[in-house]
């Protein structure tokens, strides 16, 4: 795509990066076939190609964003399916992140929208605050219907609908030594939403990694990875959290480190991009790039290392729900499937496996109608498999699908832990009929 950015603009690293991305686009339209919002709306401006035109016009002319442009950018899930499809290597992720930061700096959203975004940015990335907010949500659940009647408060209704009925007790982040022949030392990302909503994922991961031969440590004073604020356009806040974590993990590197293990794929996509995010910061660029290369999804590490010996295989059919941030953002596609199969599960994949479930970070809060349509569509495709359990690698996907699909939803690592000596996943123990060789004994 031809561009006309000025030399002055191109001296800005963000504009230079966006210009290079835009120039790679050849208008082929392959991206429209795999874009969830185009699939639902059939609108060119609801496709990556259409949004690239909008972003080009806005950035190139340094225009004040219009409400129409903001609407179409906001409707993007950042699922990155377009990047997997694109034959020209257009890095849509970097372009849309720049556009969102530009909108944040040059567009005044309505007051109710600004207040909600500020509330989310101050709550979700902080586990203690998030846990407190979920408890308050239980008390305010009766207001869901009232909030849902107005476009100004429908996001609040979505938040109440997503809040769990019960907030689990927190799982302590305790360092754990390897219990098998030692392979190395890893730091496990503590996480924000996942650690609050499903602490059992952390517990299963620690058991499985130590059984695989890794010392598992937790980095002191680690913060949110920055993904939530970064993708909301809060550039400075997102970079501050990234720099904080680079400082924390620098200290871990001095003690010998074989990987930064991540169980929430949305976090993994962002941490693997720290090298790009901090590329122009002389104090952080080198270490950020190194940390990006050390960040690894838990299934990547297990695939390379090999699973501990499986006990009697649980004879279950598993529907694997591939998170967009994993399959498109990190190109981690076959590892979870092959691990589950190696552990003895019969793995199936749904139709439209490449299409987002509608969670997409905070998307199911800010865009509840579109997110709901995608969630229902995903659940229908999963239910057609008639599987015993659904496995996924991202807390957002699990939250979005749970309650929509018929089968219980667990993290992939919970099944792998169970198959290699760990306890039966809580979600399975609660609902499975004990028929298949007593898979979840009471």
Protein backbone atom coordinates (compact mmCIF):
# COMPACT_ATOMS: atom_id res chain seq x y z
CA UNK A 1 0.00 0.00 0.00
CA UNK A 2 1.43 3.38 -0.98
CA UNK A 3 2.00 5.82 1.89
CA UNK A 4 2.86 9.50 2.20
CA UNK A 5 4.14 9.93 5.74
CA UNK A 6 6.41 12.95 6.08
CA UNK A 7 10.11 12.72 7.00
CA UNK A 8 9.27 14.39 10.31
CA UNK A 9 6.67 11.73 11.09
CA UNK A 10 9.05 8.94 10.17
CA UNK A 11 11.56 10.14 12.73
CA UNK A 12 9.04 8.99 15.34
CA UNK A 13 9.66 5.24 15.93
CA UNK A 14 5.94 4.46 16.24
CA UNK A 15 5.02 6.23 13.00
CA UNK A 16 7.98 4.62 11.24
CA UNK A 17 6.88 1.17 12.40
CA UNK A 18 3.27 1.77 11.33
CA UNK A 19 4.35 3.08 7.93
CA UNK A 20 6.39 -0.08 7.32
CA UNK A 21 3.42 -2.26 8.32
CA UNK A 22 0.99 -0.40 6.07
CA UNK A 23 3.34 -0.57 3.07
CA UNK A 24 3.33 -4.38 3.29
CA UNK A 25 -0.45 -4.58 2.78
CA UNK A 26 -1.30 -5.48 -0.83
CA UNK A 27 -5.13 -5.22 -0.49
CA UNK A 28 -5.52 -8.96 -1.20
CA UNK A 29 -8.43 -9.37 1.21
CA UNK A 30 -7.36 -12.79 2.53
CA UNK A 31 -7.75 -11.33 6.01
CA UNK A 32 -11.47 -10.74 5.54
CA UNK A 33 -12.08 -14.51 5.38
CA UNK A 34 -10.74 -15.08 8.89
CA UNK A 35 -11.78 -11.87 10.68
CA UNK A 36 -14.48 -12.55 13.31
CA UNK A 37 -16.10 -9.10 13.10
CA UNK A 38 -16.24 -9.20 9.31
CA UNK A 39 -17.77 -12.67 9.60
CA UNK A 40 -20.52 -11.25 11.84
CA UNK A 41 -21.08 -7.83 10.28
CA UNK A 42 -20.06 -8.20 6.63
CA UNK A 43 -18.75 -4.63 6.68
CA UNK A 44 -15.44 -3.85 4.97
CA UNK A 45 -14.60 -1.41 7.77
CA UNK A 46 -15.08 -4.27 10.22
CA UNK A 47 -12.22 -6.16 8.53
CA UNK A 48 -8.45 -5.79 8.96
CA UNK A 49 -8.08 -4.39 5.43
CA UNK A 50 -10.76 -1.80 6.08
CA UNK A 51 -9.27 -0.84 9.42
CA UNK A 52 -5.83 -0.48 7.85
CA UNK A 53 -7.30 2.11 5.48
CA UNK A 54 -8.84 3.96 8.44
CA UNK A 55 -5.65 3.83 10.49
CA UNK A 56 -3.53 4.93 7.52
CA UNK A 57 -5.72 7.97 6.92
CA UNK A 58 -5.81 8.90 10.60
CA UNK A 59 -2.09 8.49 11.26
CA UNK A 60 -0.77 9.77 7.96
CA UNK A 61 -2.73 13.02 8.24
CA UNK A 62 -2.49 13.13 12.05
CA UNK A 63 -6.22 13.65 12.14
CA UNK A 64 -8.35 13.97 15.22
CA UNK A 65 -10.05 10.56 15.42
CA UNK A 66 -13.74 10.58 14.63
CA UNK A 67 -16.34 8.59 16.54
CA UNK A 68 -16.82 6.40 13.46
CA UNK A 69 -13.12 5.54 13.22
CA UNK A 70 -12.93 4.85 16.96
CA UNK A 71 -15.97 2.57 16.72
CA UNK A 72 -14.33 0.38 14.09
CA UNK A 73 -10.98 0.23 15.87
CA UNK A 74 -12.73 -0.59 19.16
CA UNK A 75 -14.58 -3.43 17.45
CA UNK A 76 -11.29 -5.14 16.58
CA UNK A 77 -10.65 -8.08 18.92
CA UNK A 78 -6.88 -8.10 18.29
CA UNK A 79 -7.31 -11.84 17.79
CA UNK A 80 -4.56 -11.64 15.12
CA UNK A 81 -6.16 -14.28 12.93
CA UNK A 82 -5.46 -11.88 10.07
CA UNK A 83 -1.72 -12.18 10.75
CA UNK A 84 -1.85 -15.96 10.40
CA UNK A 85 -3.73 -15.59 7.12
CA UNK A 86 -1.79 -12.68 5.61
CA UNK A 87 0.59 -13.80 2.80
CA UNK A 88 2.50 -10.51 2.97
CA UNK A 89 3.54 -10.61 6.62
CA UNK A 90 1.58 -7.53 7.71
CA UNK A 91 2.14 -7.08 11.46
CA UNK A 92 -1.37 -5.87 12.19
CA UNK A 93 -0.77 -6.15 15.95
CA UNK A 94 1.84 -3.40 16.02
CA UNK A 95 -0.25 -1.16 13.80
CA UNK A 96 -3.48 -1.43 15.79
CA UNK A 97 -1.61 -0.98 19.08
CA UNK A 98 -0.17 2.29 17.75
CA UNK A 99 -3.60 3.40 16.54
CA UNK A 100 -5.14 2.73 19.94
CA UNK A 101 -2.45 4.74 21.68
CA UNK A 102 -3.01 7.56 19.17
CA UNK A 103 -6.75 7.47 19.84
CA UNK A 104 -6.12 7.55 23.58
CA UNK A 105 -4.05 10.71 23.17
CA UNK A 106 -6.21 12.52 20.60
CA UNK A 107 -9.82 11.51 21.22
CA UNK A 108 -12.09 12.38 24.13
CA UNK A 109 -14.40 9.50 24.82
CA UNK A 110 -17.79 10.05 26.46
CA UNK A 111 -17.57 10.46 30.22
CA UNK A 112 -19.17 7.10 31.05
CA UNK A 113 -16.69 5.33 28.75
CA UNK A 114 -13.70 7.14 30.28
CA UNK A 115 -14.83 6.28 33.80
CA UNK A 116 -15.34 2.60 32.97
CA UNK A 117 -11.98 2.31 31.26
CA UNK A 118 -10.28 3.95 34.19
CA UNK A 119 -12.03 1.57 36.59
CA UNK A 120 -10.93 -1.49 34.63
CA UNK A 121 -7.35 -0.25 34.24
CA UNK A 122 -7.13 0.34 37.99
CA UNK A 123 -8.69 -3.00 38.94
CA UNK A 124 -8.10 -5.98 36.65
CA UNK A 125 -4.27 -5.91 36.55
CA UNK A 126 -4.06 -5.97 40.36
CA UNK A 127 -5.08 -9.30 41.95
CA UNK A 128 -6.05 -7.92 45.37
CA UNK A 129 -8.20 -5.19 43.86
CA UNK A 130 -9.68 -7.61 41.34
CA UNK A 131 -10.60 -10.09 44.06
CA UNK A 132 -12.28 -7.33 46.06
CA UNK A 133 -14.17 -6.16 42.97
CA UNK A 134 -15.46 -9.68 42.32
CA UNK A 135 -16.80 -9.87 45.85
CA UNK A 136 -18.59 -6.56 45.36
CA UNK A 137 -19.98 -7.86 42.07
CA UNK A 138 -21.73 -10.66 43.94
CA UNK A 139 -23.61 -8.05 45.96
CA UNK A 140 -24.49 -6.02 42.88
CA UNK A 141 -25.55 -8.87 40.62
CA UNK A 142 -29.21 -7.89 40.98
CA UNK A 143 -28.41 -4.73 38.98
CA UNK A 144 -27.38 -6.65 35.86
CA UNK A 145 -30.78 -6.27 34.19
CA UNK A 146 -30.97 -2.57 34.98
CA UNK A 147 -27.48 -1.87 33.62
CA UNK A 148 -28.18 -3.94 30.51
CA UNK A 149 -30.99 -1.60 29.40
CA UNK A 150 -28.70 1.29 28.57
CA UNK A 151 -25.81 1.52 26.14
CA UNK A 152 -24.00 3.65 28.69
CA UNK A 153 -24.00 0.91 31.30
CA UNK A 154 -24.16 -2.31 29.27
CA UNK A 155 -20.47 -2.90 29.98
CA UNK A 156 -21.25 -2.92 33.70
CA UNK A 157 -23.92 -5.54 33.05
CA UNK A 158 -21.35 -7.60 31.16
CA UNK A 159 -18.92 -7.35 34.07
CA UNK A 160 -21.57 -8.59 36.51
CA UNK A 161 -22.48 -11.43 34.16
CA UNK A 162 -18.85 -12.54 33.86
CA UNK A 163 -18.16 -12.40 37.60
CA UNK A 164 -18.07 -15.87 39.20
CA UNK A 165 -20.62 -16.82 41.84
CA UNK A 166 -17.79 -17.74 44.18
CA UNK A 167 -14.30 -16.31 44.41
CA UNK A 168 -11.77 -19.10 45.09
CA UNK A 169 -9.26 -18.79 47.89
CA UNK A 170 -5.90 -17.55 46.60
CA UNK A 171 -3.15 -20.09 46.00
CA UNK A 172 0.17 -19.10 47.58
CA UNK A 173 3.08 -18.44 45.23
CA UNK A 174 5.72 -20.66 46.83
CA UNK A 175 8.96 -21.69 45.20
CA UNK A 176 9.12 -25.43 44.57
CA UNK A 177 12.17 -27.61 43.81
CA UNK A 178 12.23 -30.29 41.14
CA UNK A 179 11.08 -33.71 42.31
CA UNK A 180 12.59 -35.56 39.32
CA UNK A 181 16.01 -35.45 37.68
CA UNK A 182 16.75 -31.73 37.49
CA UNK A 183 16.49 -30.09 34.07
CA UNK A 184 16.79 -26.45 35.07
CA UNK A 185 15.15 -23.49 36.77
CA UNK A 186 12.16 -21.49 35.56
CA UNK A 187 10.19 -18.52 36.84
CA UNK A 188 6.42 -18.94 36.62
CA UNK A 189 4.46 -15.80 35.80
CA UNK A 190 2.12 -15.14 38.71
CA UNK A 191 -0.57 -13.55 36.58
CA UNK A 192 -3.48 -11.26 37.40
CA UNK A 193 -6.96 -12.50 36.47
CA UNK A 194 -5.94 -16.16 36.25
CA UNK A 195 -4.50 -16.27 39.75
CA UNK A 196 -7.78 -14.88 41.13
CA UNK A 197 -10.31 -16.75 39.01
CA UNK A 198 -8.59 -20.17 38.79
CA UNK A 199 -5.73 -20.58 41.27
CA UNK A 200 -5.80 -24.32 40.57
CA UNK A 201 -4.05 -23.65 37.26
CA UNK A 202 -0.98 -22.38 39.10
CA UNK A 203 -1.03 -25.37 41.47
CA UNK A 204 -1.29 -27.85 38.58
CA UNK A 205 1.52 -26.09 36.71
CA UNK A 206 3.88 -26.20 39.67
CA UNK A 207 3.20 -29.90 40.25
CA UNK A 208 3.69 -30.75 36.60
CA UNK A 209 6.86 -28.71 36.10
CA UNK A 210 8.54 -30.00 39.24
CA UNK A 211 7.58 -33.54 38.20
CA UNK A 212 9.20 -32.79 34.83
CA UNK A 213 12.44 -31.80 36.56
CA UNK A 214 12.26 -28.01 36.88
CA UNK A 215 12.80 -25.87 39.93
CA UNK A 216 9.84 -23.48 39.86
CA UNK A 217 10.35 -20.04 41.39
CA UNK A 218 8.22 -16.93 41.62
CA UNK A 219 9.80 -13.52 41.07
CA UNK A 220 9.32 -11.12 43.96
CA UNK A 221 7.52 -7.84 43.20
CA UNK A 222 6.53 -9.01 39.72
CA UNK A 223 3.66 -6.96 38.24
CA UNK A 224 1.02 -7.36 35.54
CA UNK A 225 2.61 -7.98 32.15
CA UNK A 226 1.04 -4.76 30.87
CA UNK A 227 -1.14 -6.36 28.20
CA UNK A 228 -4.45 -4.97 29.42
CA UNK A 229 -3.34 -1.34 29.60
CA UNK A 230 -1.22 -1.59 26.45
CA UNK A 231 -4.13 -2.85 24.36
CA UNK A 232 -6.43 -0.20 25.79
CA UNK A 233 -4.10 2.42 24.34
CA UNK A 234 -2.55 3.34 27.70
CA UNK A 235 0.92 3.24 26.20
CA UNK A 236 2.90 4.83 29.01
CA UNK A 237 1.26 2.66 31.67
CA UNK A 238 1.82 -0.50 29.64
CA UNK A 239 5.49 0.36 29.08
CA UNK A 240 5.95 1.16 32.77
CA UNK A 241 4.70 -2.30 33.71
CA UNK A 242 6.95 -3.89 31.09
CA UNK A 243 9.99 -2.00 32.40
CA UNK A 244 9.13 -2.99 35.97
CA UNK A 245 9.06 -6.65 35.02
CA UNK A 246 12.29 -6.40 33.05
CA UNK A 247 13.91 -5.01 36.21
CA UNK A 248 12.48 -7.89 38.26
CA UNK A 249 13.51 -10.59 35.80
CA UNK A 250 16.98 -9.11 35.35
CA UNK A 251 17.66 -10.17 38.93
CA UNK A 252 16.38 -13.66 38.20
CA UNK A 253 18.72 -13.97 35.22
CA UNK A 254 21.72 -13.55 37.51
CA UNK A 255 20.70 -16.72 39.39
CA UNK A 256 20.52 -18.86 36.26
CA UNK A 257 17.22 -19.07 34.43
CA UNK A 258 16.00 -21.42 31.72
CA UNK A 259 12.69 -19.75 30.97
CA UNK A 260 9.86 -17.47 32.03
CA UNK A 261 6.87 -19.78 31.93
CA UNK A 262 3.42 -18.41 31.16
CA UNK A 263 0.06 -20.15 31.52
CA UNK A 264 -2.15 -17.31 30.20
CA UNK A 265 -1.46 -16.99 26.49
CA UNK A 266 -2.62 -13.38 26.34
CA UNK A 267 0.22 -12.49 28.69
CA UNK A 268 2.64 -14.59 26.68
CA UNK A 269 1.97 -12.71 23.45
CA UNK A 270 2.74 -9.39 25.15
CA UNK A 271 5.85 -10.52 27.03
CA UNK A 272 7.24 -12.04 23.84
CA UNK A 273 6.80 -8.57 22.33
CA UNK A 274 8.72 -6.70 25.07
CA UNK A 275 11.72 -6.51 22.76
CA UNK A 276 9.67 -4.52 20.25
CA UNK A 277 7.83 -2.45 22.84
CA UNK A 278 11.08 -1.28 24.47
CA UNK A 279 13.24 -1.29 21.34
CA UNK A 280 14.04 2.43 21.56
CA UNK A 281 14.79 2.57 25.28
CA UNK A 282 18.58 2.32 25.64
CA UNK A 283 18.28 1.31 29.30
CA UNK A 284 15.94 -1.61 28.55
CA UNK A 285 16.15 -2.62 24.88
CA UNK A 286 18.80 -5.32 25.24
CA UNK A 287 17.39 -7.01 28.33
CA UNK A 288 13.81 -6.71 27.04
CA UNK A 289 14.82 -8.50 23.84
CA UNK A 290 16.51 -11.24 25.84
CA UNK A 291 13.48 -11.67 28.09
CA UNK A 292 11.23 -11.88 25.03
CA UNK A 293 13.23 -14.86 23.83
CA UNK A 294 13.03 -16.53 27.25
CA UNK A 295 9.26 -16.19 27.58
CA UNK A 296 7.60 -19.50 26.83
CA UNK A 297 4.11 -20.90 27.05
CA UNK A 298 3.96 -23.81 29.45
CA UNK A 299 3.03 -26.18 26.61
CA UNK A 300 6.08 -25.07 24.59
CA UNK A 301 8.37 -25.93 27.49
CA UNK A 302 6.69 -29.28 28.12
CA UNK A 303 6.76 -30.13 24.42
CA UNK A 304 10.51 -29.54 24.31
CA UNK A 305 11.21 -31.31 27.60
CA UNK A 306 8.79 -34.19 27.30
CA UNK A 307 6.04 -35.14 29.73
CA UNK A 308 6.62 -37.29 32.80
CA UNK A 309 5.42 -40.84 32.31
CA UNK A 310 1.64 -40.97 32.14
CA UNK A 311 -0.25 -43.27 34.44
CA UNK A 312 -3.28 -45.18 33.15
CA UNK A 313 -4.62 -42.93 30.43
CA UNK A 314 -7.91 -41.21 31.31
CA UNK A 315 -10.12 -42.43 28.48
CA UNK A 316 -11.71 -39.07 27.76
CA UNK A 317 -12.55 -37.10 24.65
CA UNK A 318 -11.04 -33.62 24.85
CA UNK A 319 -12.18 -30.69 22.72
CA UNK A 320 -9.20 -28.39 22.37
CA UNK A 321 -10.06 -24.69 22.17
CA UNK A 322 -7.03 -22.89 20.73
CA UNK A 323 -6.68 -19.37 22.19
CA UNK A 324 -6.12 -16.72 19.52
CA UNK A 325 -3.22 -15.23 21.44
CA UNK A 326 -1.56 -18.65 21.33
CA UNK A 327 -2.27 -19.88 17.81
CA UNK A 328 -2.08 -16.49 16.05
CA UNK A 329 -0.10 -14.32 18.44
CA UNK A 330 2.63 -16.87 19.24
CA UNK A 331 2.21 -19.50 16.51
CA UNK A 332 1.92 -22.18 19.21
CA UNK A 333 -0.49 -24.55 17.50
CA UNK A 334 0.46 -28.23 17.58
CA UNK A 335 2.21 -28.41 20.96
CA UNK A 336 -0.90 -28.52 23.23
CA UNK A 337 -2.66 -30.99 20.95
CA UNK A 338 0.28 -33.37 20.76
CA UNK A 339 0.87 -33.18 24.52
CA UNK A 340 -2.74 -34.06 25.27
CA UNK A 341 -2.59 -36.95 22.82
CA UNK A 342 0.68 -38.17 24.33
CA UNK A 343 -0.96 -38.13 27.76
CA UNK A 344 -3.65 -40.52 26.51
CA UNK A 345 -6.53 -38.20 25.69
CA UNK A 346 -8.52 -38.37 22.46
CA UNK A 347 -8.20 -34.82 21.16
CA UNK A 348 -10.68 -33.19 18.83
CA UNK A 349 -10.78 -29.71 17.34
CA UNK A 350 -13.95 -27.79 16.53
CA UNK A 351 -14.94 -26.24 13.26
CA UNK A 352 -13.78 -22.63 12.93
CA UNK A 353 -10.99 -23.32 15.40
CA UNK A 354 -9.21 -20.23 14.09
CA UNK A 355 -12.14 -17.90 14.94
CA UNK A 356 -12.05 -16.04 18.26
CA UNK A 357 -14.41 -16.99 21.09
CA UNK A 358 -15.02 -13.30 21.83
CA UNK A 359 -13.12 -12.95 25.09
CA UNK A 360 -10.10 -11.02 23.78
CA UNK A 361 -8.94 -9.43 27.03
CA UNK A 362 -11.56 -6.81 27.90
CA UNK A 363 -13.50 -7.18 24.64
CA UNK A 364 -16.35 -9.11 26.24
CA UNK A 365 -16.80 -6.15 28.61
CA UNK A 366 -16.60 -3.29 26.11
CA UNK A 367 -18.29 -5.10 23.19
CA UNK A 368 -20.68 -7.52 24.93
CA UNK A 369 -23.06 -8.01 21.99
CA UNK A 370 -20.40 -9.00 19.45
CA UNK A 371 -18.52 -10.99 22.09
CA UNK A 372 -21.72 -12.82 23.01
CA UNK A 373 -22.39 -13.80 19.40
CA UNK A 374 -18.86 -15.13 19.03
CA UNK A 375 -19.03 -16.95 22.35
CA UNK A 376 -22.30 -18.64 21.41
CA UNK A 377 -20.92 -19.57 17.99
CA UNK A 378 -17.83 -21.09 19.58
CA UNK A 379 -19.91 -23.04 22.10
CA UNK A 380 -22.08 -24.53 19.35
CA UNK A 381 -19.00 -25.75 17.48
CA UNK A 382 -17.51 -27.20 20.65
CA UNK A 383 -20.75 -28.91 21.64
CA UNK A 384 -20.91 -30.65 18.26
CA UNK A 385 -17.82 -32.61 19.26
CA UNK A 386 -19.69 -34.15 22.21
CA UNK A 387 -16.45 -34.19 24.20
CA UNK A 388 -16.15 -34.97 27.90
CA UNK A 389 -14.14 -31.84 28.61
CA UNK A 390 -12.90 -28.69 26.88
CA UNK A 391 -9.24 -27.72 27.27
CA UNK A 392 -7.81 -24.30 26.57
CA UNK A 393 -4.66 -22.34 27.38
CA UNK A 394 -6.02 -18.93 28.35
CA UNK A 395 -8.14 -17.80 31.29
CA UNK A 396 -10.12 -15.42 29.08
CA UNK A 397 -11.25 -18.24 26.81
CA UNK A 398 -12.19 -20.41 29.78
CA UNK A 399 -14.29 -17.62 31.30
CA UNK A 400 -16.00 -16.85 27.99
CA UNK A 401 -16.86 -20.46 27.14
CA UNK A 402 -17.80 -21.69 30.60
CA UNK A 403 -21.56 -21.66 30.95
CA UNK A 404 -22.08 -21.48 27.18
CA UNK A 405 -20.73 -24.91 26.26
CA UNK A 406 -22.11 -28.13 27.71
CA UNK A 407 -18.79 -29.67 28.79
CA UNK A 408 -16.66 -28.39 31.67
CA UNK A 409 -13.71 -26.16 30.75
CA UNK A 410 -10.22 -26.67 32.16
CA UNK A 411 -6.73 -25.47 31.39
CA UNK A 412 -4.62 -27.82 29.27
CA UNK A 413 -2.06 -28.09 32.05
CA UNK A 414 -4.70 -29.38 34.50
CA UNK A 415 -5.33 -32.39 32.26
CA UNK A 416 -1.61 -33.01 31.74
CA UNK A 417 -1.01 -32.82 35.48
CA UNK A 418 -3.83 -35.28 36.15
CA UNK A 419 -2.61 -37.71 33.49
CA UNK A 420 0.89 -37.76 34.98
CA UNK A 421 0.03 -38.22 38.63
CA UNK A 422 -1.79 -35.11 39.80
CA UNK A 423 -5.34 -34.82 41.13
CA UNK A 424 -8.44 -34.80 38.98
CA UNK A 425 -9.29 -31.24 37.86
CA UNK A 426 -11.92 -29.66 40.07
CA UNK A 427 -14.26 -28.84 37.17
CA UNK A 428 -14.22 -32.49 36.06
CA UNK A 429 -14.65 -33.97 39.50
CA UNK A 430 -17.78 -31.90 39.98
CA UNK A 431 -19.63 -33.01 36.85
CA UNK A 432 -18.24 -36.22 35.33
CA UNK A 433 -20.27 -39.38 35.63
CA UNK A 434 -17.97 -42.08 36.96
CA UNK A 435 -18.12 -44.52 34.09
CA UNK A 436 -14.80 -44.43 32.23
CA UNK A 437 -12.56 -46.45 34.47
CA UNK A 438 -13.43 -44.19 37.39
CA UNK A 439 -11.59 -41.14 35.97
CA UNK A 440 -12.56 -38.80 38.79
CA UNK A 441 -12.96 -40.89 41.94
CA UNK A 442 -14.77 -39.16 44.76
